[in-house]
Amino acid sequence: MRILRIELKRSIAPWAGVAALTTALAFLYLTSDEDALTTIGWTDQWTSMALNARGLLFFVWPLTAGLGALQGVRDHRSRMSELLTSTPRPASHRAAVLSAAMAMTLAAAFAAILLVGGVQVLANTSYTHLGWLPIALVGALTLVSGAVLGMGVGRILPFMLTPPVVAMGMLVFTLLADVSLTKVDAATGITSSEPNLFSLLSPAAQEARDALLTLSPPVHVGQTIWLCGMAATGFALSTATNLRKRLVALAPVLAGTVIALLVLPSDPRQVYMVDKAAARLVCDGPVCVTNTHRARLDDFAGPARDALRRMSSALGDQAPVSIRENTTVWPDSSRPHRSRQTALFDFKDHEFAAAKGEELTRALIANSLVPSCSAYAGATNSSDVSAQSIAASWVLNEPEPHSSNMAYLSRDQQDEIREVYGELTRLPRAEQRSRVTAMYLGAVACKGDPFAALGGGASR
């Protein structure tokens, strides 16, 4: 303990912890948009908080590896190598104490990052759980393993350029892992993010995709094995005294990589899983939200019941009879399963992020009658926006169609919406209901063009 206290005072370990903490918080607060309305932000939920903290490792991991390499060249720069080898104390003891000092300070730094986020999460959600702890523990292990590996590399390559080269090498690795996530749909041209085995080797490449999603156990196990192999190689390099031992020291990281690739899921759909406790529905009559968003139910239930009442009055038996939050969130490329009786919604859609009262009622009517059939969350098209504007205004019996999304359409498109709405409202009431009902049934089944159906045109 006395030697450990000395290392904590005189080594680079405390400065590595301070550098990791300040760099992470600086990136966090300088790059985050506090006004953005999301459900997976830094302070929204426990799981998203842990995953966003892991995202900071994109920059912090290379930094700690470089600082570890800087510590590794200390003995050579101080010209103490020959003196230390002449002492009876084994080199493994010295490496163990120094590694423990680095581990303590870096783990404390990562814990401080989580503490800053956790205090704010407590004020924003009523759903508290411990499922985020494995995500956080792997993040702390990432910092420790990177620093220990850097120490080992610095020990066998005691040159001034070693620390920056190590840091740059780790940064390039995380960058390549992040780039490998990009996937372009050949049919639609839409760019999405899809995990793969290479990206899973970088603990910083996993992102918060949805409030109901968390990483699956094989991801935690595989990454832990790989990081432990990396730390073991770094420790072995710190104690190796000849070329043979240095070559043997590479065995743990190579074995860890092979085992990790066998354990990590090769199917992108198995990387994330739905947190069943978070996705459990909490209902107020015909209106249901997930356990994650149960704090919003009181403000949401009134406008949602109003929307159901108005749709029932306008469409009769064909109208939806319940509204609930969508719990089918993965994979991104899967089409949502709709039903006529139940309308689905997502709090991550900007229409529901901050809407209240009559504005929320309008958004629920529009989304219920013209649900998006896109395979990608948040994706929509002008036909859907046009049909939603007309459907909501028709149900609310308004003289002119309008919605917040109409502002994103061209003037010609807006004029066409007004023209179709005018033609629709001049028809007999029974014909109006027939067109809106046909549009709704086609939209729920993801068949046809909803805007064309309102105008009496043939479905595409």
Protein backbone atom coordinates (compact mmCIF):
# COMPACT_ATOMS: atom_id res chain seq x y z
CA MET A 1 0.00 0.00 0.00
CA ARG A 2 2.86 2.38 0.71
CA ILE A 3 4.30 1.84 -2.75
CA LEU A 4 0.85 2.23 -4.26
CA ARG A 5 0.43 5.57 -2.52
CA ILE A 6 3.81 6.67 -3.88
CA GLU A 7 2.82 5.69 -7.41
CA LEU A 8 -0.46 7.56 -7.05
CA LYS A 9 1.50 10.68 -6.10
CA ARG A 10 4.44 10.50 -8.49
CA SER A 11 3.27 8.56 -11.53
CA ILE A 12 1.13 9.84 -14.39
CA ALA A 13 -1.86 7.84 -13.07
CA PRO A 14 -3.73 10.72 -11.35
CA TRP A 15 -3.15 12.99 -14.33
CA ALA A 16 -4.49 10.28 -16.64
CA GLY A 17 -7.70 10.18 -14.60
CA VAL A 18 -8.03 13.96 -14.66
CA ALA A 19 -7.36 14.07 -18.41
CA ALA A 20 -9.96 11.34 -19.10
CA LEU A 21 -12.60 13.07 -16.98
CA THR A 22 -12.11 16.59 -18.32
CA THR A 23 -11.82 15.48 -21.95
CA ALA A 24 -15.00 13.40 -21.72
CA LEU A 25 -17.03 16.15 -20.06
CA ALA A 26 -15.69 18.75 -22.50
CA PHE A 27 -16.75 16.67 -25.53
CA LEU A 28 -20.06 15.91 -23.87
CA TYR A 29 -21.12 19.46 -23.12
CA LEU A 30 -19.55 21.12 -26.16
CA THR A 31 -21.11 18.76 -28.70
CA SER A 32 -24.49 18.02 -27.13
CA ASP A 33 -27.57 20.06 -27.95
CA GLU A 34 -29.42 20.73 -24.70
CA ASP A 35 -32.49 21.96 -26.58
CA ALA A 36 -32.81 18.81 -28.68
CA LEU A 37 -35.90 16.75 -27.82
CA THR A 38 -34.87 13.10 -27.67
CA THR A 39 -35.60 9.94 -25.70
CA ILE A 40 -32.02 8.60 -25.86
CA GLY A 41 -30.04 11.59 -24.72
CA TRP A 42 -27.28 11.74 -22.14
CA THR A 43 -29.68 12.42 -19.28
CA ASP A 44 -32.92 10.80 -20.53
CA GLN A 45 -32.57 7.15 -19.44
CA TRP A 46 -30.06 5.00 -17.55
CA THR A 47 -29.20 2.77 -20.51
CA SER A 48 -28.79 5.66 -22.93
CA MET A 49 -26.66 7.47 -20.33
CA ALA A 50 -24.29 4.49 -20.11
CA LEU A 51 -24.16 4.07 -23.91
CA ASN A 52 -23.50 7.77 -24.45
CA ALA A 53 -20.70 7.57 -21.89
CA ARG A 54 -19.28 4.68 -23.89
CA GLY A 55 -19.46 6.84 -27.00
CA LEU A 56 -17.06 9.30 -25.35
CA LEU A 57 -14.42 6.54 -25.38
CA PHE A 58 -14.00 7.26 -29.10
CA PHE A 59 -11.64 10.07 -28.02
CA VAL A 60 -10.82 9.17 -24.42
CA TRP A 61 -9.63 5.60 -25.09
CA PRO A 62 -6.78 6.66 -27.43
CA LEU A 63 -5.86 9.41 -24.96
CA THR A 64 -5.51 7.00 -22.03
CA ALA A 65 -3.55 4.53 -24.18
CA GLY A 66 -1.14 7.30 -25.13
CA LEU A 67 -0.76 8.37 -21.50
CA GLY A 68 -0.14 4.74 -20.55
CA ALA A 69 2.64 4.58 -23.15
CA LEU A 70 4.08 7.79 -21.72
CA GLN A 71 4.17 6.13 -18.31
CA GLY A 72 5.78 3.05 -19.85
CA VAL A 73 8.83 4.97 -21.07
CA ARG A 74 9.40 6.53 -17.60
CA ASP A 75 12.07 4.07 -16.43
CA HIS A 76 14.09 4.44 -19.62
CA ARG A 77 13.86 8.25 -19.62
CA SER A 78 14.90 8.42 -15.96
CA ARG A 79 17.82 6.03 -16.67
CA MET A 80 16.73 3.66 -13.93
CA SER A 81 16.29 0.47 -15.93
CA GLU A 82 19.62 -1.09 -14.95
CA LEU A 83 19.16 -0.11 -11.30
CA LEU A 84 15.68 -1.63 -11.11
CA THR A 85 16.77 -4.92 -12.69
CA SER A 86 19.47 -5.26 -10.01
CA THR A 87 16.97 -5.15 -7.12
CA PRO A 88 15.53 -8.39 -5.69
CA ARG A 89 11.95 -7.18 -6.16
CA PRO A 90 10.39 -8.89 -9.22
CA ALA A 91 9.44 -6.72 -12.18
CA SER A 92 5.92 -8.11 -12.02
CA HIS A 93 5.43 -6.48 -8.60
CA ARG A 94 6.36 -3.07 -9.90
CA ALA A 95 4.15 -3.50 -12.98
CA ALA A 96 1.25 -4.69 -10.84
CA VAL A 97 1.39 -1.69 -8.51
CA LEU A 98 1.66 0.78 -11.38
CA SER A 99 -1.16 -0.94 -13.27
CA ALA A 100 -3.32 -0.83 -10.14
CA ALA A 101 -2.69 2.90 -9.78
CA MET A 102 -3.70 3.54 -13.39
CA ALA A 103 -6.76 1.30 -13.02
CA MET A 104 -7.94 3.06 -9.87
CA THR A 105 -7.71 6.56 -11.29
CA LEU A 106 -9.24 5.73 -14.67
CA ALA A 107 -12.08 3.72 -13.14
CA ALA A 108 -12.73 6.63 -10.77
CA ALA A 109 -12.78 9.04 -13.71
CA PHE A 110 -15.32 6.94 -15.61
CA ALA A 111 -17.41 6.58 -12.45
CA ALA A 112 -17.39 10.36 -12.08
CA ILE A 113 -18.69 10.72 -15.65
CA LEU A 114 -21.52 8.32 -14.85
CA LEU A 115 -22.24 10.16 -11.61
CA VAL A 116 -22.63 13.47 -13.46
CA GLY A 117 -25.10 11.88 -15.86
CA GLY A 118 -26.84 9.71 -13.27
CA VAL A 119 -27.78 12.64 -11.04
CA GLN A 120 -29.57 14.24 -13.99
CA VAL A 121 -31.20 10.98 -15.10
CA LEU A 122 -32.79 10.59 -11.66
CA ALA A 123 -34.67 13.82 -12.25
CA ASN A 124 -35.85 12.84 -15.76
CA THR A 125 -37.16 9.28 -15.46
CA SER A 126 -39.11 7.16 -13.03
CA TYR A 127 -37.82 3.88 -14.50
CA THR A 128 -34.79 2.84 -12.45
CA HIS A 129 -32.91 -0.41 -13.09
CA LEU A 130 -29.43 -1.95 -12.99
CA GLY A 131 -29.30 -3.19 -16.57
CA TRP A 132 -26.97 -0.33 -17.47
CA LEU A 133 -24.21 -1.52 -15.11
CA PRO A 134 -22.65 -4.10 -17.52
CA ILE A 135 -22.43 -1.37 -20.16
CA ALA A 136 -20.67 0.92 -17.69
CA LEU A 137 -18.32 -1.77 -16.36
CA VAL A 138 -17.13 -2.64 -19.87
CA GLY A 139 -16.53 1.08 -20.45
CA ALA A 140 -14.33 1.32 -17.35
CA LEU A 141 -12.48 -1.85 -18.38
CA THR A 142 -11.86 -0.28 -21.78
CA LEU A 143 -9.98 2.65 -20.27
CA VAL A 144 -7.95 0.40 -17.97
CA SER A 145 -7.01 -2.12 -20.67
CA GLY A 146 -6.01 0.62 -23.10
CA ALA A 147 -3.76 2.27 -20.52
CA VAL A 148 -2.14 -1.02 -19.47
CA LEU A 149 -1.50 -1.98 -23.10
CA GLY A 150 0.03 1.44 -23.68
CA MET A 151 2.30 0.94 -20.67
CA GLY A 152 3.51 -2.35 -22.07
CA VAL A 153 4.20 -0.90 -25.51
CA GLY A 154 6.01 2.05 -23.94
CA ARG A 155 8.09 -0.32 -21.84
CA ILE A 156 9.45 -2.29 -24.83
CA LEU A 157 9.63 0.74 -27.19
CA PRO A 158 10.94 3.53 -24.92
CA PHE A 159 11.04 6.27 -27.54
CA MET A 160 9.61 9.78 -27.46
CA LEU A 161 7.37 9.06 -30.46
CA THR A 162 5.85 5.94 -28.90
CA PRO A 163 3.05 7.67 -26.88
CA PRO A 164 1.67 9.74 -29.79
CA VAL A 165 1.94 6.77 -32.17
CA VAL A 166 0.04 4.55 -29.73
CA ALA A 167 -2.66 7.19 -29.26
CA MET A 168 -2.99 7.74 -33.01
CA GLY A 169 -3.12 3.99 -33.66
CA MET A 170 -5.99 3.56 -31.20
CA LEU A 171 -7.80 6.56 -32.70
CA VAL A 172 -7.49 5.11 -36.22
CA PHE A 173 -8.83 1.78 -34.92
CA THR A 174 -11.92 3.38 -33.36
CA LEU A 175 -12.43 5.49 -36.49
CA LEU A 176 -12.34 2.44 -38.78
CA ALA A 177 -14.72 0.58 -36.47
CA ASP A 178 -17.13 3.52 -36.57
CA VAL A 179 -16.93 3.81 -40.36
CA SER A 180 -17.65 0.10 -40.75
CA LEU A 181 -21.08 0.66 -39.17
CA THR A 182 -22.36 2.58 -42.19
CA LYS A 183 -24.75 0.68 -44.43
CA VAL A 184 -26.58 1.97 -47.51
CA ASP A 185 -29.86 0.36 -48.53
CA ALA A 186 -29.53 -0.51 -52.23
CA ALA A 187 -33.28 -0.14 -52.83
CA THR A 188 -33.95 3.18 -51.07
CA GLY A 189 -30.50 4.74 -50.84
CA ILE A 190 -31.09 5.43 -47.14
CA THR A 191 -27.96 5.33 -44.99
CA SER A 192 -28.22 3.50 -41.67
CA SER A 193 -25.94 2.12 -38.99
CA GLU A 194 -25.57 -1.65 -38.66
CA PRO A 195 -23.20 -3.39 -36.20
CA ASN A 196 -20.70 -5.99 -37.36
CA LEU A 197 -17.99 -8.11 -35.74
CA PHE A 198 -15.25 -5.57 -36.39
CA SER A 199 -17.25 -2.68 -34.95
CA LEU A 200 -17.99 -4.71 -31.81
CA LEU A 201 -14.27 -4.86 -31.03
CA SER A 202 -14.47 -1.14 -30.34
CA PRO A 203 -16.57 -0.57 -27.20
CA ALA A 204 -17.05 3.02 -28.35
CA ALA A 205 -18.89 2.06 -31.54
CA GLN A 206 -22.16 0.96 -29.92
CA GLU A 207 -24.76 3.70 -29.81
CA ALA A 208 -28.01 4.40 -28.03
CA ARG A 209 -30.61 3.49 -30.67
CA ASP A 210 -33.84 3.47 -28.70
CA ALA A 211 -34.98 3.90 -25.11
CA LEU A 212 -36.15 0.28 -25.06
CA LEU A 213 -32.96 -1.28 -26.42
CA THR A 214 -29.91 -2.49 -24.56
CA LEU A 215 -26.84 -4.52 -25.55
CA SER A 216 -27.22 -8.29 -25.44
CA PRO A 217 -25.14 -10.44 -23.01
CA PRO A 218 -22.90 -11.96 -25.76
CA VAL A 219 -21.70 -8.43 -26.58
CA HIS A 220 -20.69 -7.81 -22.96
CA VAL A 221 -18.99 -11.21 -22.65
CA GLY A 222 -17.11 -10.97 -25.96
CA GLN A 223 -15.87 -7.44 -25.33
CA THR A 224 -14.80 -8.32 -21.79
CA ILE A 225 -12.76 -11.28 -23.05
CA TRP A 226 -11.05 -9.16 -25.68
CA LEU A 227 -10.28 -6.31 -23.28
CA CYS A 228 -8.94 -8.68 -20.64
CA GLY A 229 -6.65 -10.22 -23.25
CA MET A 230 -5.46 -6.73 -24.17
CA ALA A 231 -4.73 -5.88 -20.52
CA ALA A 232 -2.93 -9.21 -20.00
CA THR A 233 -0.71 -8.54 -23.01
CA GLY A 234 0.09 -5.05 -21.76
CA PHE A 235 1.02 -6.38 -18.33
CA ALA A 236 3.15 -9.17 -19.83
CA LEU A 237 5.00 -6.68 -22.05
CA SER A 238 5.71 -4.52 -19.00
CA THR A 239 7.53 -7.44 -17.34
CA ALA A 240 9.17 -9.03 -20.39
CA THR A 241 12.97 -8.86 -20.35
CA ASN A 242 13.87 -10.51 -23.65
CA LEU A 243 12.52 -11.03 -27.17
CA ARG A 244 11.13 -14.49 -26.44
CA LYS A 245 9.02 -13.27 -23.52
CA ARG A 246 7.79 -10.33 -25.57
CA LEU A 247 6.58 -12.63 -28.31
CA VAL A 248 4.87 -14.88 -25.76
CA ALA A 249 3.23 -11.76 -24.27
CA LEU A 250 1.25 -11.31 -27.50
CA ALA A 251 -0.58 -14.59 -26.93
CA PRO A 252 -3.30 -13.20 -24.57
CA VAL A 253 -4.48 -10.46 -26.94
CA LEU A 254 -4.45 -12.82 -29.93
CA ALA A 255 -6.32 -15.53 -28.03
CA GLY A 256 -8.73 -12.95 -26.63
CA THR A 257 -9.43 -11.64 -30.13
CA VAL A 258 -10.16 -15.11 -31.50
CA ILE A 259 -12.41 -16.07 -28.59
CA ALA A 260 -14.18 -12.70 -28.68
CA LEU A 261 -14.95 -13.07 -32.39
CA LEU A 262 -16.47 -16.47 -31.66
CA VAL A 263 -18.58 -15.13 -28.78
CA LEU A 264 -19.70 -11.81 -30.29
CA PRO A 265 -22.93 -12.07 -32.33
CA SER A 266 -22.38 -12.11 -36.08
CA ASP A 267 -26.05 -11.29 -36.75
CA PRO A 268 -26.69 -7.53 -36.32
CA ARG A 269 -30.18 -8.32 -34.98
CA GLN A 270 -28.59 -10.09 -31.98
CA VAL A 271 -26.40 -7.17 -30.93
CA TYR A 272 -29.27 -5.28 -29.31
CA MET A 273 -32.26 -6.67 -27.46
CA VAL A 274 -35.44 -5.17 -26.06
CA ASP A 275 -35.40 -4.55 -22.33
CA LYS A 276 -38.60 -6.40 -21.39
CA ALA A 277 -39.04 -4.51 -18.12
CA ALA A 278 -38.66 -1.19 -19.93
CA ALA A 279 -41.08 -2.25 -22.70
CA ARG A 280 -43.80 -3.41 -20.30
CA LEU A 281 -46.97 -1.46 -21.03
CA VAL A 282 -48.56 0.80 -18.43
CA CYS A 283 -52.14 1.68 -19.37
CA ASP A 284 -54.81 4.21 -18.53
CA GLY A 285 -57.86 2.70 -20.17
CA PRO A 286 -57.30 2.41 -23.95
CA VAL A 287 -54.06 4.44 -23.78
CA CYS A 288 -50.79 2.64 -23.05
CA VAL A 289 -47.16 3.74 -22.78
CA THR A 290 -44.07 1.73 -21.90
CA ASN A 291 -42.70 1.51 -18.39
CA THR A 292 -39.81 3.71 -19.51
CA HIS A 293 -42.17 6.61 -20.24
CA ARG A 294 -44.75 6.00 -17.54
CA ALA A 295 -44.10 9.48 -16.13
CA ARG A 296 -45.64 10.90 -19.33
CA LEU A 297 -48.86 8.91 -19.09
CA ASP A 298 -50.79 11.46 -17.02
CA ASP A 299 -50.20 14.26 -19.54
CA PHE A 300 -50.61 11.93 -22.53
CA ALA A 301 -53.78 10.03 -21.62
CA GLY A 302 -56.23 12.96 -21.88
CA PRO A 303 -55.29 14.11 -25.41
CA ALA A 304 -55.02 10.47 -26.54
CA ARG A 305 -58.56 9.65 -25.35
CA ASP A 306 -59.77 12.84 -27.04
CA ALA A 307 -58.14 11.70 -30.28
CA LEU A 308 -59.83 8.29 -30.04
CA ARG A 309 -63.21 9.91 -29.39
CA ARG A 310 -62.90 12.25 -32.36
CA MET A 311 -61.76 9.47 -34.72
CA SER A 312 -64.64 7.27 -33.55
CA SER A 313 -67.11 10.08 -34.19
CA ALA A 314 -65.69 10.66 -37.68
CA LEU A 315 -65.11 7.06 -38.86
CA GLY A 316 -67.48 5.03 -36.69
CA ASP A 317 -66.63 1.34 -36.31
CA GLN A 318 -63.62 1.59 -38.61
CA ALA A 319 -61.71 3.91 -36.26
CA PRO A 320 -58.93 2.63 -33.95
CA VAL A 321 -60.10 1.84 -30.43
CA SER A 322 -56.78 2.11 -28.57
CA ILE A 323 -53.46 3.93 -28.72
CA ARG A 324 -50.21 2.48 -27.42
CA GLU A 325 -46.50 3.10 -27.67
CA ASN A 326 -44.67 1.01 -30.24
CA THR A 327 -42.42 -1.64 -28.66
CA THR A 328 -41.14 -3.18 -31.91
CA VAL A 329 -37.96 -1.18 -32.36
CA TRP A 330 -35.31 -3.50 -33.81
CA PRO A 331 -33.97 -4.09 -36.39
CA ASP A 332 -34.20 -0.80 -38.22
CA SER A 333 -34.91 -2.46 -41.55
CA SER A 334 -38.05 -4.28 -40.39
CA ARG A 335 -41.48 -2.94 -41.30
CA PRO A 336 -43.81 -2.07 -38.43
CA HIS A 337 -46.79 -4.37 -37.87
CA ARG A 338 -49.97 -2.30 -37.80
CA SER A 339 -53.54 -3.20 -36.92
CA ARG A 340 -56.80 -1.35 -37.50
CA GLN A 341 -57.87 -1.52 -33.84
CA THR A 342 -54.64 -0.24 -32.28
CA ALA A 343 -52.76 2.88 -33.31
CA LEU A 344 -49.02 2.93 -32.56
CA PHE A 345 -46.78 5.91 -31.83
CA ASP A 346 -43.19 6.62 -30.80
CA PHE A 347 -42.12 9.29 -28.34
CA LYS A 348 -38.91 9.68 -30.35
CA ASP A 349 -40.94 11.20 -33.20
CA HIS A 350 -40.67 14.96 -32.95
CA GLU A 351 -44.46 15.35 -33.18
CA PHE A 352 -44.83 13.79 -29.73
CA ALA A 353 -41.63 15.04 -28.09
CA ALA A 354 -43.07 18.25 -26.63
CA ALA A 355 -46.65 18.46 -27.93
CA LYS A 356 -49.42 18.95 -25.39
CA GLY A 357 -53.17 19.43 -25.34
CA GLU A 358 -54.86 20.09 -28.68
CA GLU A 359 -51.53 19.96 -30.53
CA LEU A 360 -50.89 16.44 -29.18
CA THR A 361 -54.44 15.38 -30.10
CA ARG A 362 -53.90 16.56 -33.67
CA ALA A 363 -50.56 14.75 -33.91
CA LEU A 364 -52.09 11.50 -32.63
CA ILE A 365 -54.98 11.69 -35.12
CA ALA A 366 -52.63 12.32 -38.03
CA ASN A 367 -50.24 9.53 -37.00
CA SER A 368 -53.05 7.07 -36.28
CA LEU A 369 -54.90 7.55 -39.58
CA VAL A 370 -51.76 7.75 -41.75
CA PRO A 371 -49.05 5.64 -40.04
CA SER A 372 -45.65 5.58 -41.68
CA CYS A 373 -44.82 2.40 -43.57
CA SER A 374 -41.14 3.19 -43.88
CA ALA A 375 -38.73 0.51 -42.73
CA TYR A 376 -36.61 3.19 -41.06
CA ALA A 377 -37.58 5.04 -37.91
CA GLY A 378 -38.45 8.68 -38.48
CA ALA A 379 -38.47 8.37 -42.26
CA THR A 380 -41.52 9.77 -44.05
CA ASN A 381 -42.50 11.12 -47.46
CA SER A 382 -44.52 14.00 -48.87
CA SER A 383 -47.53 11.76 -49.58
CA ASP A 384 -47.77 10.77 -45.91
CA VAL A 385 -47.36 14.38 -44.74
CA SER A 386 -50.03 15.57 -47.17
CA ALA A 387 -52.48 12.83 -46.18
CA GLN A 388 -51.84 13.40 -42.46
CA SER A 389 -52.55 17.11 -42.79
CA ILE A 390 -55.85 16.48 -44.59
CA ALA A 391 -56.96 13.59 -42.35
CA ALA A 392 -56.36 15.47 -39.09
CA SER A 393 -58.08 18.63 -40.33
CA TRP A 394 -61.04 16.60 -41.62
CA VAL A 395 -61.53 14.80 -38.30
CA LEU A 396 -61.25 18.11 -36.41
CA ASN A 397 -63.69 19.71 -38.92
CA GLU A 398 -61.35 22.61 -39.74
CA PRO A 399 -61.91 24.96 -42.70
CA GLU A 400 -58.30 24.71 -43.93
CA PRO A 401 -55.76 21.88 -43.71
CA HIS A 402 -52.63 22.61 -41.73
CA SER A 403 -49.91 20.88 -39.76
CA SER A 404 -46.41 21.65 -38.55
CA ASN A 405 -44.93 19.37 -41.23
CA MET A 406 -46.56 21.28 -44.11
CA ALA A 407 -43.90 23.95 -43.70
CA TYR A 408 -41.34 21.50 -45.08
CA LEU A 409 -43.28 21.05 -48.33
CA SER A 410 -43.00 23.24 -51.39
CA ARG A 411 -45.60 25.91 -52.14
CA ASP A 412 -47.00 23.84 -55.01
CA GLN A 413 -47.41 20.84 -52.71
CA GLN A 414 -49.17 22.99 -50.11
CA ASP A 415 -51.53 24.36 -52.76
CA GLU A 416 -52.29 20.81 -53.91
CA ILE A 417 -53.12 19.80 -50.33
CA ARG A 418 -55.57 22.70 -50.02
CA GLU A 419 -57.13 21.82 -53.37
CA VAL A 420 -57.64 18.15 -52.45
CA TYR A 421 -59.03 19.13 -49.04
CA GLY A 422 -61.47 21.53 -50.65
CA GLU A 423 -62.67 18.88 -53.09
CA LEU A 424 -63.02 16.37 -50.24
CA THR A 425 -65.08 18.65 -47.99
CA ARG A 426 -67.46 19.60 -50.82
CA LEU A 427 -68.50 15.97 -51.26
CA PRO A 428 -71.47 14.48 -49.40
CA ARG A 429 -70.54 13.48 -45.86
CA ALA A 430 -70.95 9.77 -46.58
CA GLU A 431 -68.56 10.01 -49.54
CA GLN A 432 -66.07 11.93 -47.42
CA ARG A 433 -66.12 9.22 -44.77
CA SER A 434 -65.79 6.52 -47.43
CA ARG A 435 -62.64 8.10 -48.88
CA VAL A 436 -61.01 8.70 -45.50
CA THR A 437 -61.86 5.16 -44.40
CA ALA A 438 -60.42 3.67 -47.59
CA MET A 439 -57.30 5.77 -47.15
CA TYR A 440 -56.94 4.65 -43.51
CA LEU A 441 -57.36 0.93 -44.24
CA GLY A 442 -54.85 1.13 -47.08
CA ALA A 443 -52.36 3.05 -44.96
CA VAL A 444 -52.59 0.54 -42.10
CA ALA A 445 -51.96 -2.30 -44.56
CA CYS A 446 -49.14 -0.29 -46.19
CA LYS A 447 -50.89 -0.50 -49.55
CA GLY A 448 -51.41 2.32 -51.98
CA ASP A 449 -50.84 6.06 -51.86
CA PRO A 450 -52.83 7.66 -48.99
CA PHE A 451 -52.84 11.11 -50.58
CA ALA A 452 -54.10 9.72 -53.90
CA ALA A 453 -56.85 7.82 -52.07
CA LEU A 454 -58.12 11.05 -50.48
CA GLY A 455 -58.29 12.62 -53.91
CA GLY A 456 -60.21 9.69 -55.35
CA GLY A 457 -57.28 8.51 -57.45
CA ALA A 458 -56.18 4.91 -57.95
CA SER A 459 -53.72 3.41 -55.48
CA ARG A 460 -50.18 2.97 -56.68
